[in-house]
Amino acid sequence: MDSSASQSSLHHSNDDTEKQSEPLTTTAVVGLENADDGVPRNRGLFAKLWAIVQKLDKYGVEARGIERVPPTERPQKSPWDCFTMWCAANTQLGAFSGGTLAPGTFGMSLRDSVLCIVFFNILWTVPVAYLSTFGCRTGLRQMVFSRFAFGYWFCMLPGLLNCVGAIGWTIINTIVGGKTLRAVSSTHQIPVWASNIIIAILSLLPPFAGYRFVHNYQRWSWIAPAVIFFIMLGTGLRYMEGGTWGATGPLEAATVLSFGTVVVGYGLGWASYAGDYTVNLPEDTPTWKIFAATYLGLNTSLILVESLGAAYMTTIINNSAWSALYDANGVGGLIAAGLTPLNGIGHFFTLLMALSVVANNIPNVYSLSLTVPIFGPVFQAVPRLFITLIGTAVYIVLSIVGASHFEAWLDTLLVLLSYWQAIFATLVIEEHVIFRRSWRNYELDSANKRSALPPGIAASVAFGCGVMGAVFGVAQSWYIGILARKIGDPTVGGNIGFELSLAFSGIAYPPLRYLERRLFGR
């Protein structure tokens, strides 16, 4: 990396510093306040908010938002944090719920469900693991880095979709966690609104405090849910129904492809966050270690927990009491059913499982606070920690309103996430592999300068091609694409939306980007 790319965008000359109003005394905040990046941090309400950040910074609360983390300010040492980060994020009720959709919504046998879960996860978590290596190499958050493919303005579209995905996931997690809290007791149930608020407040604390606290929490939070899931395997094993291997043919292919899209939406859904959690690792950290830790963390948790969810959904066939609990409290009731044989301690374990969703909410809330600032200088002037507060308030309200629509929301969100995340990951990776080829070919300190970034025309057209592919291949209750109808029953179709969105955008981008570089020189 050349010298201009290895220096922090937060370090400036004395002349730049003198142009600013009275600097703050805390080092981290001073660097941001004095940054000559056109962000109005010293004006009006923003100045008051940053004064609060100055005070909180003394207690270790992270002040930095989307500004680049320079190589000299990266205290994190262990790539193992990438394993625990994603293992914790997926060892919880959300992944378990995704697995229940295989038998519950798609009518698949347990054998077919597990095979599908394993295959789609080991394949489609590769882009997430690869993108996670970009953070330590650049010091840039994932959505900011994507400007080198999408340009300054068009990057706001994936940014908007990222915000929708982050809020959507926290809503779904909070709903399922709240229902599980209610299932702790059948006689003194906590109100829906109260259970959702409890989970939301716990989910707020680490992302509010920042990067270091997020990793500290995730490093240990996966252990208790993992132990409880293994206990549930023991209590539910005798009721599980393996079923037979599914037949072959267009109908079965349609089912596998449709559930596979759900699996991809969960694993690949982390692609737009991946680099956010490696920016504090030293620049010379071996990329294979980051890739391996991320890949193993994702697959260990996703495959085991989703498979257990699919297995537990088959237990309601053989256990009427468990079926009644599921009917009353959804997935939360199913969790409580598996822990009922443990009597008193089972209620405590159910409580811990309800709170496990916090580990999934944390990266959603934290990355939300790193996405909103890409919408321009005014948004970037809002301190990151206040964005976490606003986002939390929004999803609390929506989770209370949507508590009765959990399964429908989960299926739809996972499918839609797989479409745009496939396009996003494809374009960012193609830009790096085909056109940049080396980190020396990025002006990393210019990620906020429109003149140094691509116009984004190639990415916008390729993105549109990807959307067209998704429309052709989508198979949902509300719409079936013309190509999706060709697979299986035309009235149901087979969901190939993410495959087509990836193919259409991936084929369109290279020639368009080549032409864009020839015309604009960037």
Protein backbone atom coordinates (compact mmCIF):
# COMPACT_ATOMS: atom_id res chain seq x y z
CA MET A 1 0.00 0.00 0.00
CA ASP A 2 1.41 3.43 -0.90
CA SER A 3 1.96 6.11 1.68
CA SER A 4 -1.13 8.14 0.76
CA ALA A 5 -3.32 5.10 1.22
CA SER A 6 -1.86 4.11 4.56
CA GLN A 7 -2.43 7.40 6.39
CA SER A 8 -5.56 8.21 8.34
CA SER A 9 -8.14 10.55 6.92
CA LEU A 10 -8.46 11.84 10.48
CA HIS A 11 -4.91 13.25 10.58
CA HIS A 12 -4.51 16.71 9.14
CA SER A 13 -2.01 19.50 8.88
CA ASN A 14 -1.73 22.29 11.43
CA ASP A 15 -3.21 24.69 8.89
CA ASP A 16 -6.36 22.59 8.67
CA THR A 17 -6.61 22.41 12.45
CA GLU A 18 -6.35 26.17 12.87
CA LYS A 19 -9.29 26.69 10.53
CA GLN A 20 -11.60 24.91 12.95
CA SER A 21 -13.31 26.38 15.98
CA GLU A 22 -12.10 25.59 19.48
CA PRO A 23 -11.01 21.92 19.45
CA LEU A 24 -12.19 19.34 21.95
CA THR A 25 -9.72 17.96 24.43
CA THR A 26 -10.30 14.23 23.93
CA THR A 27 -7.96 12.86 21.26
CA ALA A 28 -10.43 10.64 19.43
CA VAL A 29 -13.10 13.34 19.26
CA VAL A 30 -10.60 16.05 18.31
CA GLY A 31 -9.58 14.07 15.25
CA LEU A 32 -13.18 13.92 14.07
CA GLU A 33 -14.05 17.50 14.99
CA ASN A 34 -11.08 18.85 13.06
CA ALA A 35 -11.48 16.61 10.03
CA ASP A 36 -11.57 18.70 6.87
CA ASP A 37 -14.21 16.52 5.20
CA GLY A 38 -17.14 18.92 4.86
CA VAL A 39 -19.09 17.33 7.72
CA PRO A 40 -20.73 20.04 9.91
CA ARG A 41 -19.87 18.53 13.30
CA ASN A 42 -19.19 21.93 14.92
CA ARG A 43 -22.51 23.55 14.01
CA GLY A 44 -25.71 23.99 16.00
CA LEU A 45 -27.28 20.83 17.38
CA PHE A 46 -24.45 18.71 16.00
CA ALA A 47 -21.93 20.56 18.18
CA LYS A 48 -24.03 19.77 21.27
CA LEU A 49 -24.24 16.11 20.33
CA TRP A 50 -20.48 15.94 19.84
CA ALA A 51 -19.96 17.58 23.22
CA ILE A 52 -21.84 14.62 24.72
CA VAL A 53 -19.67 12.24 22.71
CA GLN A 54 -16.59 13.97 24.12
CA LYS A 55 -17.70 13.15 27.65
CA LEU A 56 -18.62 9.55 26.83
CA ASP A 57 -15.36 9.03 24.95
CA LYS A 58 -13.52 9.30 28.26
CA TYR A 59 -15.28 6.10 29.34
CA GLY A 60 -14.33 4.17 26.21
CA VAL A 61 -17.44 4.78 24.11
CA GLU A 62 -16.49 4.71 20.42
CA ALA A 63 -16.61 8.15 18.81
CA ARG A 64 -15.59 7.14 15.29
CA GLY A 65 -18.29 6.56 12.70
CA ILE A 66 -17.58 5.79 9.05
CA GLU A 67 -14.25 7.62 9.05
CA ARG A 68 -11.31 5.40 8.12
CA VAL A 69 -9.44 3.62 10.92
CA PRO A 70 -5.73 4.29 10.28
CA PRO A 71 -3.21 1.44 10.63
CA THR A 72 -1.69 3.11 13.71
CA GLU A 73 -4.98 3.00 15.66
CA ARG A 74 -5.94 -0.67 15.52
CA PRO A 75 -5.66 -2.33 18.93
CA GLN A 76 -7.46 -5.59 18.06
CA LYS A 77 -5.05 -8.53 17.84
CA SER A 78 -6.82 -11.84 17.36
CA PRO A 79 -8.53 -12.94 14.11
CA TRP A 80 -10.31 -15.48 16.35
CA ASP A 81 -12.72 -12.65 17.16
CA CYS A 82 -14.13 -13.14 13.66
CA PHE A 83 -15.14 -16.69 14.61
CA THR A 84 -16.87 -15.71 17.84
CA MET A 85 -18.45 -12.65 16.22
CA TRP A 86 -20.41 -14.66 13.68
CA CYS A 87 -20.83 -17.78 15.78
CA ALA A 88 -22.58 -15.68 18.43
CA ALA A 89 -24.67 -13.82 15.85
CA ASN A 90 -26.12 -17.09 14.56
CA THR A 91 -26.26 -19.27 17.68
CA GLN A 92 -29.66 -17.95 18.61
CA LEU A 93 -33.37 -18.20 17.91
CA GLY A 94 -33.31 -16.45 14.53
CA ALA A 95 -31.29 -19.19 12.83
CA PHE A 96 -33.36 -21.81 14.67
CA SER A 97 -36.51 -20.16 13.29
CA GLY A 98 -35.11 -20.19 9.77
CA GLY A 99 -34.60 -23.94 10.02
CA THR A 100 -38.20 -24.51 11.12
CA LEU A 101 -39.41 -23.11 7.78
CA ALA A 102 -38.15 -26.21 5.90
CA PRO A 103 -40.71 -28.68 7.33
CA GLY A 104 -43.20 -26.01 8.45
CA THR A 105 -43.55 -23.87 5.33
CA PHE A 106 -41.99 -25.93 2.53
CA GLY A 107 -43.08 -29.40 3.70
CA MET A 108 -39.59 -30.90 3.45
CA SER A 109 -38.47 -34.01 5.32
CA LEU A 110 -35.74 -33.60 7.93
CA ARG A 111 -33.20 -35.41 5.76
CA ASP A 112 -33.79 -33.14 2.79
CA SER A 113 -33.86 -30.08 5.04
CA VAL A 114 -30.45 -30.79 6.57
CA LEU A 115 -28.88 -31.57 3.19
CA CYS A 116 -30.21 -28.31 1.81
CA ILE A 117 -29.01 -26.35 4.86
CA VAL A 118 -25.49 -27.78 4.61
CA PHE A 119 -25.10 -27.30 0.86
CA PHE A 120 -26.39 -23.73 0.58
CA ASN A 121 -24.51 -22.54 3.65
CA ILE A 122 -21.08 -23.89 2.78
CA LEU A 123 -21.37 -22.36 -0.69
CA TRP A 124 -22.94 -18.97 -0.05
CA THR A 125 -21.06 -17.93 3.07
CA VAL A 126 -17.85 -17.73 1.00
CA PRO A 127 -18.55 -14.14 -0.17
CA VAL A 128 -19.13 -13.02 3.43
CA ALA A 129 -15.84 -14.54 4.59
CA TYR A 130 -14.01 -12.96 1.66
CA LEU A 131 -15.50 -9.49 2.23
CA SER A 132 -14.57 -9.69 5.91
CA THR A 133 -10.91 -9.58 4.88
CA PHE A 134 -11.43 -6.15 3.29
CA GLY A 135 -11.90 -4.38 6.63
CA CYS A 136 -8.40 -4.93 7.98
CA ARG A 137 -6.80 -4.18 4.62
CA THR A 138 -8.56 -0.84 4.18
CA GLY A 139 -9.76 0.37 7.59
CA LEU A 140 -13.07 1.21 5.90
CA ARG A 141 -16.54 0.07 6.87
CA GLN A 142 -18.23 -2.22 4.38
CA MET A 143 -20.76 0.24 2.94
CA VAL A 144 -18.14 2.99 2.65
CA PHE A 145 -15.78 0.64 0.83
CA SER A 146 -18.55 -0.22 -1.64
CA ARG A 147 -18.32 3.36 -2.93
CA PHE A 148 -15.30 2.22 -4.96
CA ALA A 149 -17.73 0.15 -7.04
CA PHE A 150 -21.04 1.98 -6.67
CA GLY A 151 -19.78 5.57 -6.54
CA TYR A 152 -20.74 8.22 -3.99
CA TRP A 153 -24.36 8.71 -4.99
CA PHE A 154 -25.51 5.29 -6.13
CA CYS A 155 -24.01 3.69 -3.03
CA MET A 156 -26.97 5.19 -1.22
CA LEU A 157 -29.33 2.59 -2.75
CA PRO A 158 -27.58 -0.44 -1.21
CA GLY A 159 -27.23 1.74 1.89
CA LEU A 160 -30.99 2.18 2.04
CA LEU A 161 -31.53 -1.55 1.53
CA ASN A 162 -28.99 -2.23 4.26
CA CYS A 163 -30.93 -0.03 6.67
CA VAL A 164 -34.16 -1.84 5.80
CA GLY A 165 -32.47 -5.20 6.33
CA ALA A 166 -30.96 -4.16 9.67
CA ILE A 167 -34.26 -2.84 11.00
CA GLY A 168 -36.13 -5.84 9.56
CA TRP A 169 -33.85 -8.34 11.26
CA THR A 170 -34.04 -6.62 14.62
CA ILE A 171 -37.82 -6.60 14.37
CA ILE A 172 -37.96 -10.32 13.62
CA ASN A 173 -35.43 -11.20 16.32
CA THR A 174 -37.22 -9.08 18.89
CA ILE A 175 -40.57 -10.66 18.05
CA VAL A 176 -39.30 -14.24 18.38
CA GLY A 177 -37.32 -13.35 21.51
CA GLY A 178 -40.35 -11.65 23.01
CA LYS A 179 -42.55 -14.66 22.32
CA THR A 180 -39.98 -16.90 23.97
CA LEU A 181 -39.93 -14.64 27.03
CA ARG A 182 -43.70 -14.99 27.21
CA ALA A 183 -43.35 -18.77 26.99
CA VAL A 184 -41.21 -18.86 30.16
CA SER A 185 -44.42 -18.90 32.21
CA SER A 186 -47.87 -20.00 31.12
CA THR A 187 -49.59 -18.36 34.11
CA HIS A 188 -47.82 -15.00 34.48
CA GLN A 189 -46.94 -13.99 30.94
CA ILE A 190 -45.08 -10.75 30.36
CA PRO A 191 -46.89 -8.36 27.95
CA VAL A 192 -45.67 -8.34 24.35
CA TRP A 193 -44.63 -4.70 24.49
CA ALA A 194 -42.64 -5.22 27.69
CA SER A 195 -40.79 -8.29 26.40
CA ASN A 196 -39.84 -6.46 23.21
CA ILE A 197 -38.55 -3.43 25.10
CA ILE A 198 -36.40 -5.61 27.39
CA ILE A 199 -34.73 -7.29 24.43
CA ALA A 200 -34.27 -3.99 22.59
CA ILE A 201 -32.59 -2.26 25.53
CA LEU A 202 -30.17 -5.16 26.06
CA SER A 203 -29.45 -5.15 22.32
CA LEU A 204 -28.66 -1.44 22.42
CA LEU A 205 -25.89 -1.37 25.02
CA PRO A 206 -22.90 -2.92 23.13
CA PRO A 207 -23.51 -1.17 19.78
CA PHE A 208 -24.06 2.12 21.59
CA ALA A 209 -20.68 1.71 23.31
CA GLY A 210 -18.95 0.67 20.09
CA TYR A 211 -16.69 -1.80 18.31
CA ARG A 212 -14.69 -3.05 21.29
CA PHE A 213 -17.80 -3.73 23.37
CA VAL A 214 -19.51 -5.51 20.48
CA HIS A 215 -16.62 -7.96 20.18
CA ASN A 216 -16.33 -8.35 23.95
CA TYR A 217 -19.99 -9.38 24.18
CA GLN A 218 -19.93 -11.67 21.14
CA ARG A 219 -16.77 -13.39 22.36
CA TRP A 220 -18.71 -15.13 25.15
CA SER A 221 -22.42 -14.81 24.41
CA TRP A 222 -22.62 -17.88 22.15
CA ILE A 223 -21.59 -20.38 24.84
CA ALA A 224 -24.81 -20.56 26.88
CA PRO A 225 -27.16 -20.86 23.85
CA ALA A 226 -24.89 -23.51 22.32
CA VAL A 227 -25.03 -25.62 25.49
CA ILE A 228 -28.81 -25.23 25.70
CA PHE A 229 -29.26 -26.19 22.04
CA PHE A 230 -27.36 -29.43 22.71
CA ILE A 231 -29.58 -30.08 25.73
CA MET A 232 -32.62 -29.52 23.51
CA LEU A 233 -31.23 -32.04 21.05
CA GLY A 234 -31.21 -34.60 23.84
CA THR A 235 -34.74 -33.84 25.09
CA GLY A 236 -36.28 -33.75 21.62
CA LEU A 237 -34.43 -36.58 19.90
CA ARG A 238 -37.04 -39.27 20.55
CA TYR A 239 -39.81 -37.15 19.00
CA MET A 240 -37.93 -36.17 15.84
CA GLU A 241 -39.07 -37.60 12.54
CA GLY A 242 -36.31 -38.11 9.97
CA GLY A 243 -38.67 -38.91 7.12
CA THR A 244 -37.62 -40.30 3.79
CA TRP A 245 -35.40 -38.83 1.12
CA GLY A 246 -37.46 -36.64 -1.15
CA ALA A 247 -38.31 -37.80 -4.63
CA THR A 248 -36.70 -36.27 -7.69
CA GLY A 249 -38.41 -34.14 -10.27
CA PRO A 250 -39.47 -30.55 -10.93
CA LEU A 251 -41.72 -30.26 -7.87
CA GLU A 252 -38.98 -31.36 -5.48
CA ALA A 253 -36.44 -29.14 -7.25
CA ALA A 254 -38.74 -26.16 -6.80
CA THR A 255 -39.04 -26.85 -3.07
CA VAL A 256 -35.29 -27.19 -2.58
CA LEU A 257 -34.56 -24.01 -4.52
CA SER A 258 -37.18 -22.03 -2.62
CA PHE A 259 -35.94 -23.11 0.81
CA GLY A 260 -32.36 -22.70 -0.40
CA THR A 261 -33.13 -19.04 -1.06
CA VAL A 262 -34.19 -18.69 2.57
CA VAL A 263 -30.93 -20.28 3.75
CA VAL A 264 -28.90 -18.00 1.48
CA GLY A 265 -30.78 -14.95 2.75
CA TYR A 266 -29.64 -15.74 6.27
CA GLY A 267 -25.97 -16.52 5.56
CA LEU A 268 -25.28 -14.17 2.65
CA GLY A 269 -27.30 -11.51 4.48
CA TRP A 270 -24.16 -10.63 6.48
CA ALA A 271 -22.21 -9.61 3.35
CA SER A 272 -22.94 -5.90 3.68
CA TYR A 273 -21.73 -5.94 7.32
CA ALA A 274 -18.69 -8.20 6.99
CA GLY A 275 -15.89 -5.63 6.89
CA ASP A 276 -17.35 -3.59 9.76
CA TYR A 277 -15.96 -6.06 12.30
CA THR A 278 -12.36 -6.35 11.12
CA VAL A 279 -11.33 -2.68 10.73
CA ASN A 280 -9.45 -2.71 14.04
CA LEU A 281 -7.28 -5.69 13.12
CA PRO A 282 -3.68 -4.85 12.11
CA GLU A 283 -3.16 -4.26 8.41
CA ASP A 284 -0.72 -7.17 8.14
CA THR A 285 -3.08 -9.76 9.67
CA PRO A 286 -2.99 -12.83 7.37
CA THR A 287 -6.17 -12.71 5.31
CA TRP A 288 -6.49 -16.49 5.34
CA LYS A 289 -6.91 -16.40 9.11
CA ILE A 290 -9.70 -13.83 8.88
CA PHE A 291 -11.37 -15.76 6.06
CA ALA A 292 -11.13 -19.09 7.86
CA ALA A 293 -12.33 -17.72 11.21
CA THR A 294 -15.30 -15.98 9.60
CA TYR A 295 -16.21 -18.95 7.41
CA LEU A 296 -16.03 -21.43 10.28
CA GLY A 297 -17.92 -19.13 12.63
CA LEU A 298 -20.74 -18.74 10.13
CA ASN A 299 -21.05 -22.38 9.11
CA THR A 300 -20.57 -23.99 12.51
CA SER A 301 -23.45 -21.98 13.91
CA LEU A 302 -25.76 -21.76 10.89
CA ILE A 303 -25.62 -25.43 9.92
CA LEU A 304 -26.06 -26.80 13.44
CA VAL A 305 -28.72 -24.36 14.64
CA GLU A 306 -30.78 -24.33 11.43
CA SER A 307 -30.68 -28.13 11.32
CA LEU A 308 -31.87 -28.31 14.92
CA GLY A 309 -34.70 -25.93 14.04
CA ALA A 310 -35.77 -28.19 11.18
CA ALA A 311 -35.52 -31.24 13.44
CA TYR A 312 -37.58 -29.63 16.19
CA MET A 313 -40.32 -28.70 13.76
CA THR A 314 -40.85 -32.41 13.12
CA THR A 315 -41.43 -33.10 16.84
CA ILE A 316 -44.87 -31.50 16.81
CA ILE A 317 -46.06 -34.42 14.69
CA ASN A 318 -45.36 -36.90 17.50
CA ASN A 319 -45.99 -34.76 20.58
CA SER A 320 -49.38 -33.07 20.90
CA ALA A 321 -48.32 -31.09 23.98
CA TRP A 322 -45.39 -29.57 22.11
CA SER A 323 -47.66 -28.88 19.16
CA ALA A 324 -50.01 -26.94 21.44
CA LEU A 325 -47.11 -24.87 22.81
CA TYR A 326 -46.00 -24.09 19.26
CA ASP A 327 -49.51 -23.04 18.27
CA ALA A 328 -49.69 -20.72 21.30
CA ASN A 329 -46.25 -19.06 21.14
CA GLY A 330 -44.71 -20.00 17.81
CA VAL A 331 -41.00 -20.80 17.84
CA GLY A 332 -40.77 -19.53 21.42
CA GLY A 333 -43.26 -22.17 22.46
CA LEU A 334 -41.24 -24.82 20.66
CA ILE A 335 -38.12 -23.77 22.58
CA ALA A 336 -40.03 -23.89 25.86
CA ALA A 337 -41.39 -27.33 24.95
CA GLY A 338 -37.90 -28.72 24.48
CA LEU A 339 -36.83 -27.42 27.89
CA THR A 340 -39.99 -28.39 29.79
CA PRO A 341 -38.58 -31.81 30.86
CA LEU A 342 -35.93 -29.95 32.89
CA ASN A 343 -38.63 -28.47 35.16
CA GLY A 344 -37.48 -25.34 37.05
CA ILE A 345 -34.10 -24.93 35.39
CA GLY A 346 -35.87 -25.35 32.07
CA HIS A 347 -37.63 -22.01 32.64
CA PHE A 348 -34.27 -20.37 33.28
CA PHE A 349 -32.85 -21.89 30.10
CA THR A 350 -35.89 -20.65 28.16
CA LEU A 351 -35.16 -17.17 29.48
CA LEU A 352 -31.54 -17.43 28.30
CA MET A 353 -32.68 -18.59 24.88
CA ALA A 354 -35.04 -15.63 24.62
CA LEU A 355 -32.12 -13.30 25.32
CA SER A 356 -29.89 -15.08 22.78
CA VAL A 357 -31.40 -12.91 20.04
CA VAL A 358 -29.47 -9.98 21.51
CA ALA A 359 -26.30 -11.38 19.88
CA ASN A 360 -27.99 -11.15 16.48
CA ASN A 361 -29.49 -7.72 17.08
CA ILE A 362 -26.11 -6.26 18.05
CA PRO A 363 -24.45 -6.40 14.59
CA ASN A 364 -27.66 -5.19 12.99
CA VAL A 365 -27.87 -2.13 15.24
CA TYR A 366 -24.13 -1.42 15.09
CA SER A 367 -23.92 -1.70 11.30
CA LEU A 368 -27.06 0.42 10.97
CA SER A 369 -25.16 3.20 12.73
CA LEU A 370 -22.37 2.79 10.15
CA THR A 371 -24.75 2.84 7.18
CA VAL A 372 -26.88 5.92 7.83
CA PRO A 373 -23.86 8.29 7.61
CA ILE A 374 -23.21 7.37 3.96
CA PHE A 375 -26.26 9.42 2.94
CA GLY A 376 -24.27 12.64 3.10
CA PRO A 377 -22.45 15.14 5.34
CA VAL A 378 -25.52 16.01 7.43
CA PHE A 379 -26.13 12.35 8.29
CA GLN A 380 -22.43 11.83 8.95
CA ALA A 381 -22.51 14.75 11.39
CA VAL A 382 -24.86 12.78 13.66
CA PRO A 383 -22.65 10.81 16.09
CA ARG A 384 -22.83 7.06 15.56
CA LEU A 385 -24.12 6.31 19.04
CA PHE A 386 -27.20 8.53 18.58
CA ILE A 387 -28.10 6.63 15.42
CA THR A 388 -28.22 3.45 17.51
CA LEU A 389 -30.74 5.16 19.81
CA ILE A 390 -32.97 6.28 16.95
CA GLY A 391 -32.82 2.88 15.23
CA THR A 392 -33.72 1.11 18.46
CA ALA A 393 -36.75 3.34 19.01
CA VAL A 394 -37.97 2.63 15.48
CA TYR A 395 -37.72 -1.14 15.68
CA ILE A 396 -39.31 -1.31 19.14
CA VAL A 397 -42.47 0.27 17.74
CA LEU A 398 -42.49 -1.89 14.61
CA SER A 399 -41.82 -5.11 16.54
CA ILE A 400 -44.83 -4.46 18.76
CA VAL A 401 -47.04 -3.72 15.76
CA GLY A 402 -45.82 -6.74 13.78
CA ALA A 403 -45.79 -9.32 16.56
CA SER A 404 -48.61 -11.33 14.97
CA HIS A 405 -46.99 -11.60 11.52
CA PHE A 406 -43.68 -13.25 12.40
CA GLU A 407 -43.55 -16.24 10.03
CA ALA A 408 -44.71 -14.27 6.98
CA TRP A 409 -42.23 -11.47 7.67
CA LEU A 410 -39.36 -13.91 8.20
CA ASP A 411 -39.86 -15.77 4.93
CA THR A 412 -40.32 -12.61 2.86
CA LEU A 413 -37.39 -10.72 4.41
CA LEU A 414 -34.95 -13.59 4.00
CA VAL A 415 -35.87 -14.00 0.35
CA LEU A 416 -35.58 -10.29 -0.46
CA LEU A 417 -32.27 -10.07 1.40
CA SER A 418 -30.82 -12.87 -0.72
CA TYR A 419 -31.59 -10.91 -3.90
CA TRP A 420 -29.93 -7.59 -3.16
CA GLN A 421 -27.09 -9.06 -1.11
CA ALA A 422 -26.19 -11.33 -4.03
CA ILE A 423 -25.99 -8.29 -6.32
CA PHE A 424 -24.05 -6.24 -3.77
CA ALA A 425 -21.45 -8.91 -3.04
CA THR A 426 -21.01 -9.71 -6.73
CA LEU A 427 -20.32 -6.13 -7.80
CA VAL A 428 -17.97 -5.30 -4.91
CA ILE A 429 -15.96 -8.50 -5.40
CA GLU A 430 -15.81 -8.11 -9.19
CA GLU A 431 -14.56 -4.54 -8.83
CA HIS A 432 -11.72 -5.73 -6.60
CA VAL A 433 -10.79 -8.94 -8.42
CA ILE A 434 -11.16 -7.78 -12.03
CA PHE A 435 -10.39 -4.06 -11.99
CA ARG A 436 -8.44 -3.06 -8.86
CA ARG A 437 -6.50 -6.31 -8.33
CA SER A 438 -4.31 -4.76 -5.63
CA TRP A 439 -4.92 -2.63 -2.54
CA ARG A 440 -2.39 -0.17 -3.98
CA ASN A 441 -4.97 0.76 -6.59
CA TYR A 442 -7.36 2.28 -4.05
CA GLU A 443 -7.18 5.85 -2.75
CA LEU A 444 -8.49 4.82 0.66
CA ASP A 445 -8.38 8.31 2.14
CA SER A 446 -10.57 9.52 -0.73
CA ALA A 447 -13.58 7.34 0.04
CA ASN A 448 -15.51 10.50 0.97
CA LYS A 449 -14.45 12.49 -2.13
CA ARG A 450 -16.88 12.27 -5.03
CA SER A 451 -14.29 13.25 -7.64
CA ALA A 452 -12.04 10.32 -6.70
CA LEU A 453 -14.81 7.70 -6.91
CA PRO A 454 -16.40 6.02 -9.93
CA PRO A 455 -19.51 7.72 -11.34
CA GLY A 456 -21.46 4.60 -10.41
CA ILE A 457 -23.19 4.30 -13.78
CA ALA A 458 -21.87 0.79 -14.43
CA ALA A 459 -22.92 -0.41 -10.98
CA SER A 460 -26.35 1.19 -11.28
CA VAL A 461 -27.09 -0.48 -14.62
CA ALA A 462 -25.69 -3.82 -13.42
CA PHE A 463 -27.77 -3.52 -10.25
CA GLY A 464 -30.84 -2.95 -12.41
CA CYS A 465 -29.98 -6.07 -14.41
CA GLY A 466 -29.74 -7.99 -11.15
CA VAL A 467 -33.15 -6.73 -10.06
CA MET A 468 -34.56 -7.83 -13.41
CA GLY A 469 -33.13 -11.30 -12.80
CA ALA A 470 -34.72 -11.38 -9.35
CA VAL A 471 -38.11 -10.40 -10.81
CA PHE A 472 -37.86 -13.20 -13.38
CA GLY A 473 -36.95 -15.75 -10.71
CA VAL A 474 -38.95 -14.77 -7.63
CA ALA A 475 -41.52 -17.25 -6.30
CA GLN A 476 -43.53 -15.83 -3.45
CA SER A 477 -47.19 -15.88 -2.50
CA TRP A 478 -47.50 -12.31 -3.76
CA TYR A 479 -45.72 -12.83 -7.11
CA ILE A 480 -44.25 -15.60 -9.26
CA GLY A 481 -41.72 -14.66 -11.94
CA ILE A 482 -41.94 -15.92 -15.50
CA LEU A 483 -38.86 -18.13 -15.15
CA ALA A 484 -39.81 -19.32 -11.66
CA ARG A 485 -43.06 -20.69 -13.13
CA LYS A 486 -41.04 -23.05 -15.31
CA ILE A 487 -39.89 -24.99 -12.23
CA GLY A 488 -42.37 -27.30 -10.53
CA ASP A 489 -46.00 -26.32 -10.18
CA PRO A 490 -46.59 -23.08 -12.15
CA THR A 491 -48.98 -21.87 -9.46
CA VAL A 492 -46.19 -22.10 -6.85
CA GLY A 493 -42.97 -22.01 -8.85
CA GLY A 494 -39.38 -22.53 -7.75
CA ASN A 495 -37.50 -19.56 -6.34
CA ILE A 496 -34.37 -18.91 -8.41
CA GLY A 497 -34.37 -15.16 -7.83
CA PHE A 498 -31.01 -14.90 -6.08
CA GLU A 499 -29.26 -17.12 -8.64
CA LEU A 500 -30.59 -15.00 -11.51
CA SER A 501 -29.89 -11.71 -9.75
CA LEU A 502 -26.29 -12.80 -9.20
CA ALA A 503 -25.89 -14.04 -12.78
CA PHE A 504 -27.48 -11.02 -14.46
CA SER A 505 -25.53 -8.46 -12.44
CA GLY A 506 -22.28 -10.44 -12.58
CA ILE A 507 -22.39 -10.73 -16.37
CA ALA A 508 -23.40 -7.11 -16.94
CA TYR A 509 -20.91 -5.37 -14.66
CA PRO A 510 -17.48 -6.16 -16.21
CA PRO A 511 -18.16 -4.74 -19.71
CA LEU A 512 -20.07 -1.78 -18.29
CA ARG A 513 -17.31 -0.98 -15.81
CA TYR A 514 -14.65 -1.32 -18.49
CA LEU A 515 -16.52 1.23 -20.60
CA GLU A 516 -17.02 3.51 -17.61
CA ARG A 517 -13.30 3.50 -16.81
CA ARG A 518 -12.45 4.29 -20.43
CA LEU A 519 -14.88 7.22 -20.53
CA PHE A 520 -14.30 8.74 -17.08
CA GLY A 521 -10.86 7.47 -16.13
CA ARG A 522 -11.99 6.33 -12.70
